[in-house]
């Protein structure tokens, strides 16, 4: 997994946040849904070792840096951690390649 960022105006950022709140999801989840709808993910190959490494990094960040994060940042990281766990379940269930 990789972090993806883009620049936009403050006004557009507020519109995105408002739409996320209206849908009851995080901004990251909203943007992820939009991108995945436009560009479907390639599930042919999943690097499970890289996912485990990233999961460890996210867990470490939540343990040691959560006190300096906003609630939205913590929730975003927790959501990301859950997404990684779900992908790793594919390996356990034998659906990975």
Protein backbone atom coordinates (compact mmCIF):
# COMPACT_ATOMS: atom_id res chain seq x y z
CA UNK A 1 0.00 0.00 0.00
CA UNK A 2 1.10 3.51 -0.71
CA UNK A 3 0.04 6.90 0.53
CA UNK A 4 -1.52 9.09 -2.15
CA UNK A 5 -1.97 12.84 -1.82
CA UNK A 6 -3.11 15.66 -4.08
CA UNK A 7 -3.39 19.42 -3.86
CA UNK A 8 -6.66 21.31 -4.07
CA UNK A 9 -8.11 24.63 -3.00
CA UNK A 10 -9.34 25.12 0.56
CA UNK A 11 -12.86 25.55 -0.79
CA UNK A 12 -12.73 22.19 -2.59
CA UNK A 13 -11.23 20.54 0.50
CA UNK A 14 -14.20 21.78 2.54
CA UNK A 15 -16.61 20.39 -0.06
CA UNK A 16 -14.90 17.00 0.10
CA UNK A 17 -15.03 16.98 3.91
CA UNK A 18 -18.70 17.97 3.88
CA UNK A 19 -19.57 15.18 1.47
CA UNK A 20 -17.66 12.66 3.62
CA UNK A 21 -19.53 13.80 6.73
CA UNK A 22 -22.85 13.62 4.87
CA UNK A 23 -22.06 10.02 3.85
CA UNK A 24 -20.80 9.14 7.34
CA UNK A 25 -17.32 8.10 6.20
CA UNK A 26 -13.80 9.45 6.57
CA UNK A 27 -12.31 11.66 3.87
CA UNK A 28 -9.80 8.92 3.08
CA UNK A 29 -12.55 6.35 2.68
CA UNK A 30 -14.58 8.66 0.45
CA UNK A 31 -11.61 9.42 -1.81
CA UNK A 32 -10.64 5.74 -1.89
CA UNK A 33 -14.16 4.80 -3.04
CA UNK A 34 -14.08 7.46 -5.76
CA UNK A 35 -10.66 6.38 -7.04
CA UNK A 36 -11.48 2.67 -6.93
CA UNK A 37 -14.72 3.30 -8.84
CA UNK A 38 -12.78 5.11 -11.56
CA UNK A 39 -9.71 2.84 -11.57
CA UNK A 40 -10.41 -0.69 -10.30
CA UNK A 41 -7.67 -2.19 -8.15
CA UNK A 42 -5.51 -4.94 -9.63
CA UNK A 43 -5.92 -7.84 -7.20
CA UNK A 44 -3.80 -10.19 -9.29
CA UNK A 45 -0.80 -9.82 -6.98
CA UNK A 46 -0.77 -8.85 -3.35
CA UNK A 47 2.57 -8.49 -1.59
CA UNK A 48 1.63 -9.93 1.79
CA UNK A 49 5.09 -9.34 3.27
CA UNK A 50 4.80 -5.64 2.41
CA UNK A 51 1.30 -5.55 3.91
CA UNK A 52 2.51 -7.12 7.17
CA UNK A 53 5.34 -4.57 7.33
CA UNK A 54 2.90 -1.72 6.74
CA UNK A 55 0.51 -3.10 9.37
CA UNK A 56 3.36 -3.12 11.89
CA UNK A 57 4.22 0.48 11.00
CA UNK A 58 0.60 1.61 11.41
CA UNK A 59 0.28 -0.19 14.75
CA UNK A 60 3.53 1.37 15.99
CA UNK A 61 2.39 4.82 14.90
CA UNK A 62 -0.93 4.38 16.71
CA UNK A 63 0.83 3.24 19.88
CA UNK A 64 3.52 5.90 20.05
CA UNK A 65 2.11 8.90 18.21
CA UNK A 66 -1.65 8.80 18.73
CA UNK A 67 -1.53 11.34 21.55
CA UNK A 68 -0.27 14.00 19.10
CA UNK A 69 -2.82 13.18 16.37
CA UNK A 70 -6.26 14.59 15.81
CA UNK A 71 -9.25 12.28 16.19
CA UNK A 72 -9.67 12.25 12.40
CA UNK A 73 -6.03 11.22 11.89
CA UNK A 74 -6.38 8.40 14.47
CA UNK A 75 -9.60 7.19 12.88
CA UNK A 76 -8.02 7.29 9.43
CA UNK A 77 -5.08 5.18 10.64
CA UNK A 78 -7.42 2.74 12.38
CA UNK A 79 -9.45 2.41 9.19
CA UNK A 80 -6.26 1.85 7.20
CA UNK A 81 -5.18 -0.81 9.72
CA UNK A 82 -8.53 -2.59 9.27
CA UNK A 83 -8.18 -2.46 5.47
CA UNK A 84 -4.75 -4.08 5.69
CA UNK A 85 -6.08 -6.76 8.04
CA UNK A 86 -8.87 -7.56 5.58
CA UNK A 87 -6.37 -7.95 2.75
CA UNK A 88 -4.23 -10.22 4.92
CA UNK A 89 -7.30 -12.38 5.60
CA UNK A 90 -7.25 -13.27 1.90
CA UNK A 91 -3.88 -14.92 2.44
CA UNK A 92 -5.14 -16.87 5.46
CA UNK A 93 -8.26 -17.97 3.58
CA UNK A 94 -6.19 -19.09 0.61
CA UNK A 95 -7.60 -16.52 -1.80
CA UNK A 96 -4.28 -14.72 -2.31
CA UNK A 97 -1.83 -15.47 -5.08
